[in-house]
Amino acid sequence: MFDPTVFDNLKVVLEGAVYDSDLHGQLQIIGRSDRVELSAMSRYYAIQFCLPGKPETWAELRLWADTEDLAGEIMELDSVTLGCQMQPVFYKHLKDPDSECPAIERLTTEIWGSHVHQIQKITSVYGDSNAPPLNEITVQFHRRFGEEVIPDLPQMLEHMLYMLERL
């Protein structure tokens, strides 16, 4: 019998919470990725969503476990802290990066707290002055997530929806 890993359990609960929110009209799922990297024996899952009728700003919740995470759990190694990485990411087109980025930084701190690390990456299309720059806002936690966070996943999703509303 297959014993699911922490990654598998978090992925199932996370995916269920997002799909339930989609069914209740709170968000609209726009993409999903579920990968197994055979060369490194790692796992990666991401689900993208936006607010209904507002596709110009969207979010992605990423979950991954690397080789050490999976092997340590399967082999029951005491030297490995069990868990996965989880990362909310937001995407927004900008009109004025110089004024919008500091405001987004304040908003991210307000919603997620000052204990998280945030990164804003701005990309633009060279030669297309009509294409607005795209801001990728990443919220990084400095910890691994285990099954103990399962009851908190709906709250994380609420934080993500609130941030989408405010962006």
N, C-alpha and C. Protein backbone atom coordinates (compact mmCIF):
# COMPACT_ATOMS: atom_id res chain seq x y z
N MET A 1 0.84 -1.19 0.00
CA MET A 1 0.00 0.00 0.00
C MET A 1 0.88 1.24 0.00
N PHE A 2 0.54 2.20 -0.82
CA PHE A 2 1.26 3.46 -0.93
C PHE A 2 0.93 4.34 0.27
N ASP A 3 1.95 4.83 0.93
CA ASP A 3 1.78 5.75 2.05
C ASP A 3 2.04 7.16 1.52
N PRO A 4 1.02 8.01 1.45
CA PRO A 4 1.23 9.34 0.86
C PRO A 4 2.23 10.17 1.67
N THR A 5 2.98 10.98 0.95
CA THR A 5 3.95 11.86 1.58
C THR A 5 3.26 13.13 2.06
N VAL A 6 3.99 13.93 2.81
CA VAL A 6 3.48 15.23 3.26
C VAL A 6 3.06 16.04 2.03
N PHE A 7 3.89 16.01 0.99
CA PHE A 7 3.57 16.73 -0.25
C PHE A 7 2.21 16.29 -0.79
N ASP A 8 1.99 14.96 -0.88
CA ASP A 8 0.73 14.46 -1.43
C ASP A 8 -0.46 14.92 -0.60
N ASN A 9 -0.33 14.85 0.71
CA ASN A 9 -1.44 15.24 1.58
C ASN A 9 -1.74 16.73 1.48
N LEU A 10 -0.69 17.57 1.48
CA LEU A 10 -0.91 19.01 1.36
C LEU A 10 -1.50 19.36 0.00
N LYS A 11 -1.02 18.70 -1.04
CA LYS A 11 -1.51 18.98 -2.39
C LYS A 11 -2.99 18.67 -2.50
N VAL A 12 -3.43 17.53 -1.97
CA VAL A 12 -4.85 17.14 -2.05
C VAL A 12 -5.73 18.15 -1.32
N VAL A 13 -5.33 18.55 -0.12
CA VAL A 13 -6.14 19.49 0.65
C VAL A 13 -6.14 20.86 -0.01
N LEU A 14 -4.97 21.30 -0.47
CA LEU A 14 -4.85 22.60 -1.13
C LEU A 14 -5.70 22.64 -2.40
N GLU A 15 -5.57 21.62 -3.21
CA GLU A 15 -6.32 21.56 -4.46
C GLU A 15 -7.83 21.54 -4.18
N GLY A 16 -8.24 20.77 -3.17
CA GLY A 16 -9.66 20.72 -2.81
C GLY A 16 -10.18 22.07 -2.36
N ALA A 17 -9.39 22.79 -1.55
CA ALA A 17 -9.83 24.11 -1.07
C ALA A 17 -9.99 25.09 -2.22
N VAL A 18 -9.06 25.05 -3.18
CA VAL A 18 -9.13 25.97 -4.32
C VAL A 18 -10.32 25.61 -5.22
N TYR A 19 -10.51 24.34 -5.49
CA TYR A 19 -11.64 23.94 -6.32
C TYR A 19 -12.98 24.21 -5.64
N ASP A 20 -13.06 24.04 -4.32
CA ASP A 20 -14.28 24.41 -3.60
C ASP A 20 -14.57 25.90 -3.74
N SER A 21 -13.53 26.72 -3.62
CA SER A 21 -13.70 28.18 -3.77
C SER A 21 -14.14 28.53 -5.19
N ASP A 22 -13.64 27.78 -6.16
CA ASP A 22 -14.05 27.99 -7.55
C ASP A 22 -15.54 27.63 -7.70
N LEU A 23 -15.96 26.52 -7.13
CA LEU A 23 -17.37 26.11 -7.22
C LEU A 23 -18.31 27.10 -6.55
N HIS A 24 -17.82 27.77 -5.48
CA HIS A 24 -18.64 28.75 -4.77
C HIS A 24 -18.55 30.15 -5.39
N GLY A 25 -17.81 30.29 -6.49
CA GLY A 25 -17.74 31.57 -7.18
C GLY A 25 -16.81 32.60 -6.56
N GLN A 26 -15.96 32.18 -5.62
CA GLN A 26 -15.04 33.12 -4.97
C GLN A 26 -13.81 33.39 -5.83
N LEU A 27 -13.47 32.46 -6.70
CA LEU A 27 -12.32 32.60 -7.58
C LEU A 27 -12.58 31.80 -8.84
N GLN A 28 -11.70 31.99 -9.81
CA GLN A 28 -11.79 31.26 -11.06
C GLN A 28 -10.43 30.65 -11.35
N ILE A 29 -10.37 29.33 -11.44
CA ILE A 29 -9.11 28.64 -11.73
C ILE A 29 -8.77 28.87 -13.20
N ILE A 30 -7.52 29.27 -13.45
CA ILE A 30 -7.10 29.56 -14.82
C ILE A 30 -5.93 28.70 -15.28
N GLY A 31 -5.35 27.91 -14.38
CA GLY A 31 -4.24 27.06 -14.77
C GLY A 31 -3.79 26.17 -13.63
N ARG A 32 -3.07 25.12 -14.01
CA ARG A 32 -2.60 24.17 -13.01
C ARG A 32 -1.39 23.44 -13.58
N SER A 33 -0.44 23.13 -12.70
CA SER A 33 0.74 22.38 -13.10
C SER A 33 1.03 21.35 -12.02
N ASP A 34 1.29 20.13 -12.41
CA ASP A 34 1.57 19.05 -11.48
C ASP A 34 2.70 18.22 -12.09
N ARG A 35 3.92 18.41 -11.55
CA ARG A 35 5.10 17.79 -12.18
C ARG A 35 5.86 16.88 -11.21
N VAL A 36 6.39 15.84 -11.78
CA VAL A 36 7.35 14.98 -11.10
C VAL A 36 8.63 15.08 -11.92
N GLU A 37 9.70 15.53 -11.28
CA GLU A 37 10.99 15.65 -11.96
C GLU A 37 11.74 14.36 -11.70
N LEU A 38 11.76 13.48 -12.71
CA LEU A 38 12.36 12.16 -12.52
C LEU A 38 13.88 12.21 -12.37
N SER A 39 14.53 13.17 -13.00
CA SER A 39 15.99 13.22 -12.90
C SER A 39 16.45 13.61 -11.50
N ALA A 40 15.65 14.38 -10.80
CA ALA A 40 16.02 14.80 -9.44
C ALA A 40 15.09 14.22 -8.38
N MET A 41 14.06 13.50 -8.82
CA MET A 41 13.06 12.92 -7.92
C MET A 41 12.47 14.00 -6.99
N SER A 42 11.94 15.03 -7.60
CA SER A 42 11.28 16.10 -6.86
C SER A 42 9.86 16.25 -7.38
N ARG A 43 9.04 16.95 -6.61
CA ARG A 43 7.64 17.17 -6.97
C ARG A 43 7.35 18.67 -6.96
N TYR A 44 6.45 19.09 -7.84
CA TYR A 44 6.07 20.51 -7.94
C TYR A 44 4.60 20.57 -8.32
N TYR A 45 3.85 21.41 -7.62
CA TYR A 45 2.45 21.63 -7.94
C TYR A 45 2.17 23.12 -7.85
N ALA A 46 1.41 23.63 -8.80
CA ALA A 46 1.01 25.04 -8.76
C ALA A 46 -0.40 25.14 -9.33
N ILE A 47 -1.18 26.03 -8.74
CA ILE A 47 -2.53 26.28 -9.24
C ILE A 47 -2.71 27.79 -9.35
N GLN A 48 -3.19 28.25 -10.51
CA GLN A 48 -3.36 29.67 -10.77
C GLN A 48 -4.85 30.00 -10.77
N PHE A 49 -5.16 31.18 -10.22
CA PHE A 49 -6.55 31.60 -10.17
C PHE A 49 -6.62 33.12 -10.15
N CYS A 50 -7.80 33.63 -10.50
CA CYS A 50 -8.07 35.06 -10.45
C CYS A 50 -9.43 35.25 -9.80
N LEU A 51 -9.77 36.48 -9.52
CA LEU A 51 -11.12 36.79 -9.05
C LEU A 51 -12.07 36.67 -10.25
N PRO A 52 -13.30 36.24 -10.04
CA PRO A 52 -14.23 36.09 -11.16
C PRO A 52 -14.38 37.40 -11.94
N GLY A 53 -14.20 37.31 -13.24
CA GLY A 53 -14.34 38.48 -14.11
C GLY A 53 -13.20 39.47 -14.05
N LYS A 54 -12.10 39.14 -13.37
CA LYS A 54 -10.96 40.05 -13.26
C LYS A 54 -9.65 39.32 -13.60
N PRO A 55 -9.50 38.91 -14.86
CA PRO A 55 -8.31 38.12 -15.24
C PRO A 55 -7.02 38.93 -15.35
N GLU A 56 -7.10 40.26 -15.23
CA GLU A 56 -5.90 41.09 -15.41
C GLU A 56 -4.92 40.97 -14.24
N THR A 57 -5.38 40.51 -13.09
CA THR A 57 -4.54 40.26 -11.92
C THR A 57 -4.83 38.85 -11.46
N TRP A 58 -3.79 38.04 -11.27
CA TRP A 58 -4.01 36.66 -10.88
C TRP A 58 -2.97 36.20 -9.87
N ALA A 59 -3.25 35.04 -9.28
CA ALA A 59 -2.38 34.49 -8.25
C ALA A 59 -2.02 33.05 -8.59
N GLU A 60 -0.94 32.60 -7.98
CA GLU A 60 -0.50 31.22 -8.14
C GLU A 60 -0.02 30.74 -6.78
N LEU A 61 -0.49 29.59 -6.37
CA LEU A 61 0.00 29.00 -5.13
C LEU A 61 0.86 27.80 -5.50
N ARG A 62 2.13 27.87 -5.10
CA ARG A 62 3.11 26.84 -5.44
C ARG A 62 3.42 25.96 -4.23
N LEU A 63 3.59 24.69 -4.49
CA LEU A 63 3.96 23.72 -3.47
C LEU A 63 5.00 22.80 -4.08
N TRP A 64 6.12 22.59 -3.37
CA TRP A 64 7.12 21.67 -3.91
C TRP A 64 7.90 20.98 -2.81
N ALA A 65 8.42 19.83 -3.19
CA ALA A 65 9.27 19.04 -2.30
C ALA A 65 10.45 18.55 -3.13
N ASP A 66 11.65 18.74 -2.61
CA ASP A 66 12.82 18.31 -3.36
C ASP A 66 13.23 16.89 -2.95
N THR A 67 14.30 16.43 -3.53
CA THR A 67 14.77 15.07 -3.29
C THR A 67 14.99 14.79 -1.81
N GLU A 68 15.64 15.72 -1.13
CA GLU A 68 15.94 15.52 0.29
C GLU A 68 14.66 15.40 1.10
N ASP A 69 13.66 16.23 0.79
CA ASP A 69 12.38 16.18 1.50
C ASP A 69 11.72 14.81 1.33
N LEU A 70 11.61 14.37 0.09
CA LEU A 70 10.92 13.12 -0.20
C LEU A 70 11.68 11.91 0.32
N ALA A 71 12.99 11.88 0.07
CA ALA A 71 13.80 10.74 0.52
C ALA A 71 13.84 10.66 2.04
N GLY A 72 13.99 11.80 2.69
CA GLY A 72 14.03 11.82 4.15
C GLY A 72 12.75 11.30 4.77
N GLU A 73 11.63 11.62 4.14
CA GLU A 73 10.35 11.14 4.65
C GLU A 73 10.17 9.65 4.39
N ILE A 74 10.44 9.22 3.17
CA ILE A 74 10.25 7.82 2.82
C ILE A 74 11.18 6.91 3.62
N MET A 75 12.42 7.37 3.82
CA MET A 75 13.40 6.56 4.55
C MET A 75 13.37 6.81 6.06
N GLU A 76 12.47 7.71 6.47
CA GLU A 76 12.30 8.05 7.89
C GLU A 76 13.61 8.49 8.54
N LEU A 77 14.30 9.41 7.88
CA LEU A 77 15.57 9.93 8.38
C LEU A 77 15.32 11.00 9.43
N ASP A 78 15.96 10.87 10.57
CA ASP A 78 15.81 11.87 11.63
C ASP A 78 16.54 13.17 11.30
N SER A 79 17.49 13.12 10.38
CA SER A 79 18.29 14.29 10.06
C SER A 79 17.59 15.28 9.14
N VAL A 80 16.41 14.92 8.64
CA VAL A 80 15.68 15.75 7.69
C VAL A 80 14.41 16.29 8.35
N THR A 81 14.22 17.60 8.25
CA THR A 81 12.97 18.21 8.72
C THR A 81 11.92 17.97 7.65
N LEU A 82 10.88 17.24 8.02
CA LEU A 82 9.86 16.89 7.04
C LEU A 82 9.04 18.11 6.65
N GLY A 83 8.63 18.13 5.41
CA GLY A 83 7.78 19.20 4.96
C GLY A 83 8.03 19.58 3.52
N CYS A 84 7.34 20.62 3.10
CA CYS A 84 7.39 21.12 1.74
C CYS A 84 7.57 22.63 1.78
N GLN A 85 7.88 23.17 0.65
CA GLN A 85 7.91 24.61 0.48
C GLN A 85 6.57 25.04 -0.11
N MET A 86 6.07 26.18 0.32
CA MET A 86 4.82 26.72 -0.19
C MET A 86 5.04 28.21 -0.44
N GLN A 87 4.48 28.70 -1.55
CA GLN A 87 4.77 30.07 -1.93
C GLN A 87 3.60 30.70 -2.70
N PRO A 88 2.96 31.72 -2.12
CA PRO A 88 1.97 32.48 -2.88
C PRO A 88 2.68 33.47 -3.81
N VAL A 89 2.20 33.57 -5.04
CA VAL A 89 2.77 34.49 -6.02
C VAL A 89 1.60 35.22 -6.69
N PHE A 90 1.79 36.50 -6.93
CA PHE A 90 0.75 37.34 -7.53
C PHE A 90 1.30 38.01 -8.77
N TYR A 91 0.45 38.21 -9.76
CA TYR A 91 0.84 38.83 -11.03
C TYR A 91 -0.08 40.01 -11.31
N LYS A 92 0.54 41.13 -11.64
CA LYS A 92 -0.23 42.36 -11.92
C LYS A 92 0.51 43.20 -12.95
N HIS A 93 -0.22 43.64 -13.96
CA HIS A 93 0.36 44.59 -14.93
C HIS A 93 0.42 45.97 -14.29
N LEU A 94 1.49 46.67 -14.55
CA LEU A 94 1.72 47.98 -13.93
C LEU A 94 1.59 49.11 -14.94
N LYS A 95 1.09 50.24 -14.45
CA LYS A 95 1.07 51.46 -15.26
C LYS A 95 2.25 52.35 -14.90
N ASP A 96 2.54 52.44 -13.60
CA ASP A 96 3.63 53.28 -13.10
C ASP A 96 4.41 52.52 -12.02
N PRO A 97 5.40 51.71 -12.41
CA PRO A 97 6.13 50.89 -11.44
C PRO A 97 6.74 51.68 -10.28
N ASP A 98 7.21 52.91 -10.54
CA ASP A 98 7.85 53.69 -9.48
C ASP A 98 6.91 54.03 -8.33
N SER A 99 5.63 54.19 -8.62
CA SER A 99 4.68 54.47 -7.53
C SER A 99 3.95 53.21 -7.06
N GLU A 100 3.69 52.29 -7.98
CA GLU A 100 2.91 51.10 -7.62
C GLU A 100 3.72 50.09 -6.80
N CYS A 101 5.00 49.90 -7.10
CA CYS A 101 5.80 48.88 -6.40
C CYS A 101 5.93 49.18 -4.89
N PRO A 102 6.22 50.42 -4.48
CA PRO A 102 6.25 50.67 -3.03
C PRO A 102 4.89 50.45 -2.36
N ALA A 103 3.80 50.77 -3.07
CA ALA A 103 2.47 50.54 -2.52
C ALA A 103 2.19 49.04 -2.39
N ILE A 104 2.62 48.27 -3.36
CA ILE A 104 2.46 46.81 -3.30
C ILE A 104 3.30 46.23 -2.17
N GLU A 105 4.49 46.77 -1.96
CA GLU A 105 5.33 46.31 -0.86
C GLU A 105 4.64 46.55 0.48
N ARG A 106 4.04 47.72 0.66
CA ARG A 106 3.30 48.02 1.90
C ARG A 106 2.10 47.09 2.06
N LEU A 107 1.37 46.87 0.97
CA LEU A 107 0.20 46.00 1.00
C LEU A 107 0.60 44.56 1.38
N THR A 108 1.67 44.07 0.78
CA THR A 108 2.14 42.72 1.07
C THR A 108 2.51 42.57 2.54
N THR A 109 3.19 43.57 3.08
CA THR A 109 3.56 43.54 4.50
C THR A 109 2.31 43.60 5.38
N GLU A 110 1.35 44.42 4.99
CA GLU A 110 0.10 44.54 5.76
C GLU A 110 -0.64 43.21 5.82
N ILE A 111 -0.70 42.50 4.71
CA ILE A 111 -1.48 41.26 4.64
C ILE A 111 -0.71 40.07 5.19
N TRP A 112 0.57 39.94 4.82
CA TRP A 112 1.34 38.75 5.16
C TRP A 112 2.25 38.93 6.37
N GLY A 113 2.48 40.17 6.79
CA GLY A 113 3.33 40.41 7.95
C GLY A 113 4.76 40.75 7.54
N SER A 114 5.49 41.27 8.50
CA SER A 114 6.88 41.67 8.22
C SER A 114 7.86 40.51 8.33
N HIS A 115 7.39 39.35 8.81
CA HIS A 115 8.28 38.20 8.97
C HIS A 115 8.52 37.45 7.66
N VAL A 116 7.74 37.75 6.63
CA VAL A 116 7.95 37.08 5.34
C VAL A 116 8.85 37.95 4.46
N HIS A 117 9.48 37.30 3.51
CA HIS A 117 10.33 38.00 2.56
C HIS A 117 9.52 38.14 1.27
N GLN A 118 9.54 39.31 0.69
CA GLN A 118 8.82 39.51 -0.55
C GLN A 118 9.76 39.97 -1.65
N ILE A 119 9.48 39.50 -2.85
CA ILE A 119 10.28 39.86 -4.01
C ILE A 119 9.33 40.33 -5.10
N GLN A 120 9.67 41.44 -5.72
CA GLN A 120 8.91 41.92 -6.87
C GLN A 120 9.84 41.88 -8.09
N LYS A 121 9.41 41.16 -9.12
CA LYS A 121 10.17 41.08 -10.38
C LYS A 121 9.31 41.70 -11.48
N ILE A 122 9.88 42.65 -12.17
CA ILE A 122 9.15 43.33 -13.24
C ILE A 122 9.74 42.90 -14.58
N THR A 123 8.87 42.46 -15.47
CA THR A 123 9.31 42.08 -16.81
C THR A 123 8.53 42.89 -17.84
N SER A 124 9.18 43.14 -18.93
CA SER A 124 8.53 43.86 -20.03
C SER A 124 8.94 43.22 -21.35
N VAL A 125 8.18 43.53 -22.37
CA VAL A 125 8.45 43.00 -23.70
C VAL A 125 9.27 44.03 -24.47
N TYR A 126 10.49 43.67 -24.79
CA TYR A 126 11.37 44.58 -25.52
C TYR A 126 10.76 44.90 -26.89
N GLY A 127 10.73 46.17 -27.20
CA GLY A 127 10.24 46.61 -28.49
C GLY A 127 8.74 46.83 -28.56
N ASP A 128 8.01 46.50 -27.51
CA ASP A 128 6.56 46.70 -27.50
C ASP A 128 6.22 47.69 -26.40
N SER A 129 6.17 48.97 -26.77
CA SER A 129 5.91 50.01 -25.77
C SER A 129 4.46 50.01 -25.30
N ASN A 130 3.58 49.30 -26.01
CA ASN A 130 2.18 49.23 -25.60
C ASN A 130 1.92 48.15 -24.55
N ALA A 131 2.84 47.20 -24.43
CA ALA A 131 2.65 46.12 -23.46
C ALA A 131 3.07 46.61 -22.07
N PRO A 132 2.15 46.63 -21.12
CA PRO A 132 2.51 47.11 -19.79
C PRO A 132 3.44 46.12 -19.09
N PRO A 133 4.35 46.61 -18.25
CA PRO A 133 5.22 45.70 -17.51
C PRO A 133 4.41 44.82 -16.57
N LEU A 134 4.89 43.60 -16.39
CA LEU A 134 4.23 42.64 -15.51
C LEU A 134 5.03 42.50 -14.22
N ASN A 135 4.36 42.69 -13.10
CA ASN A 135 4.99 42.55 -11.79
C ASN A 135 4.65 41.17 -11.23
N GLU A 136 5.68 40.41 -10.86
CA GLU A 136 5.51 39.12 -10.19
C GLU A 136 5.87 39.34 -8.73
N ILE A 137 4.89 39.24 -7.84
CA ILE A 137 5.08 39.49 -6.42
C ILE A 137 5.11 38.14 -5.70
N THR A 138 6.26 37.79 -5.13
CA THR A 138 6.44 36.50 -4.47
C THR A 138 6.53 36.70 -2.97
N VAL A 139 5.76 35.91 -2.24
CA VAL A 139 5.82 35.91 -0.78
C VAL A 139 6.58 34.65 -0.37
N GLN A 140 7.72 34.85 0.29
CA GLN A 140 8.55 33.72 0.69
C GLN A 140 8.51 33.53 2.20
N PHE A 141 8.23 32.30 2.59
CA PHE A 141 8.26 31.94 4.00
C PHE A 141 9.60 31.28 4.29
N HIS A 142 10.13 31.49 5.44
CA HIS A 142 11.42 30.92 5.80
C HIS A 142 11.21 29.67 6.66
N ARG A 143 10.44 28.73 6.12
CA ARG A 143 10.16 27.50 6.85
C ARG A 143 9.58 26.46 5.92
N ARG A 144 9.56 25.25 6.39
CA ARG A 144 8.91 24.16 5.68
C ARG A 144 7.49 24.01 6.25
N PHE A 145 6.62 23.49 5.43
CA PHE A 145 5.24 23.27 5.82
C PHE A 145 4.98 21.78 5.90
N GLY A 146 4.44 21.35 7.02
CA GLY A 146 4.07 19.96 7.21
C GLY A 146 2.56 19.83 7.32
N GLU A 147 2.12 18.65 7.66
CA GLU A 147 0.68 18.39 7.74
C GLU A 147 -0.02 19.19 8.83
N GLU A 148 0.76 19.76 9.76
CA GLU A 148 0.15 20.55 10.83
C GLU A 148 -0.50 21.83 10.29
N VAL A 149 -0.16 22.25 9.07
CA VAL A 149 -0.74 23.48 8.52
C VAL A 149 -2.03 23.23 7.74
N ILE A 150 -2.44 21.98 7.63
CA ILE A 150 -3.65 21.67 6.85
C ILE A 150 -4.86 22.50 7.31
N PRO A 151 -5.10 22.65 8.62
CA PRO A 151 -6.25 23.48 9.02
C PRO A 151 -6.10 24.96 8.65
N ASP A 152 -4.86 25.41 8.38
CA ASP A 152 -4.61 26.81 8.06
C ASP A 152 -4.68 27.12 6.56
N LEU A 153 -4.78 26.09 5.71
CA LEU A 153 -4.78 26.32 4.26
C LEU A 153 -5.95 27.18 3.79
N PRO A 154 -7.16 27.01 4.33
CA PRO A 154 -8.24 27.92 3.91
C PRO A 154 -7.94 29.38 4.25
N GLN A 155 -7.29 29.62 5.38
CA GLN A 155 -6.93 31.00 5.75
C GLN A 155 -5.88 31.56 4.79
N MET A 156 -4.93 30.72 4.36
CA MET A 156 -3.95 31.19 3.38
C MET A 156 -4.64 31.57 2.08
N LEU A 157 -5.61 30.76 1.69
CA LEU A 157 -6.37 31.07 0.48
C LEU A 157 -7.16 32.37 0.64
N GLU A 158 -7.72 32.60 1.83
CA GLU A 158 -8.42 33.86 2.10
C GLU A 158 -7.47 35.05 1.99
N HIS A 159 -6.26 34.90 2.52
CA HIS A 159 -5.25 35.97 2.41
C HIS A 159 -4.93 36.25 0.94
N MET A 160 -4.83 35.19 0.15
CA MET A 160 -4.52 35.37 -1.26
C MET A 160 -5.65 36.09 -1.98
N LEU A 161 -6.90 35.72 -1.68
CA LEU A 161 -8.05 36.38 -2.31
C LEU A 161 -8.13 37.85 -1.89
N TYR A 162 -7.85 38.11 -0.63
CA TYR A 162 -7.85 39.49 -0.14
C TYR A 162 -6.78 40.31 -0.85
N MET A 163 -5.60 39.72 -1.03
CA MET A 163 -4.53 40.45 -1.72
C MET A 163 -4.92 40.71 -3.18
N LEU A 164 -5.54 39.73 -3.82
CA LEU A 164 -6.01 39.94 -5.20
C LEU A 164 -7.01 41.09 -5.26
N GLU A 165 -7.94 41.14 -4.30
CA GLU A 165 -8.92 42.24 -4.28
C GLU A 165 -8.23 43.58 -4.14
N ARG A 166 -7.22 43.65 -3.30
CA ARG A 166 -6.54 44.93 -3.03
C ARG A 166 -5.59 45.34 -4.16
N LEU A 167 -5.06 44.36 -4.88
CA LEU A 167 -4.15 44.69 -5.98
C LEU A 167 -4.94 45.35 -7.12
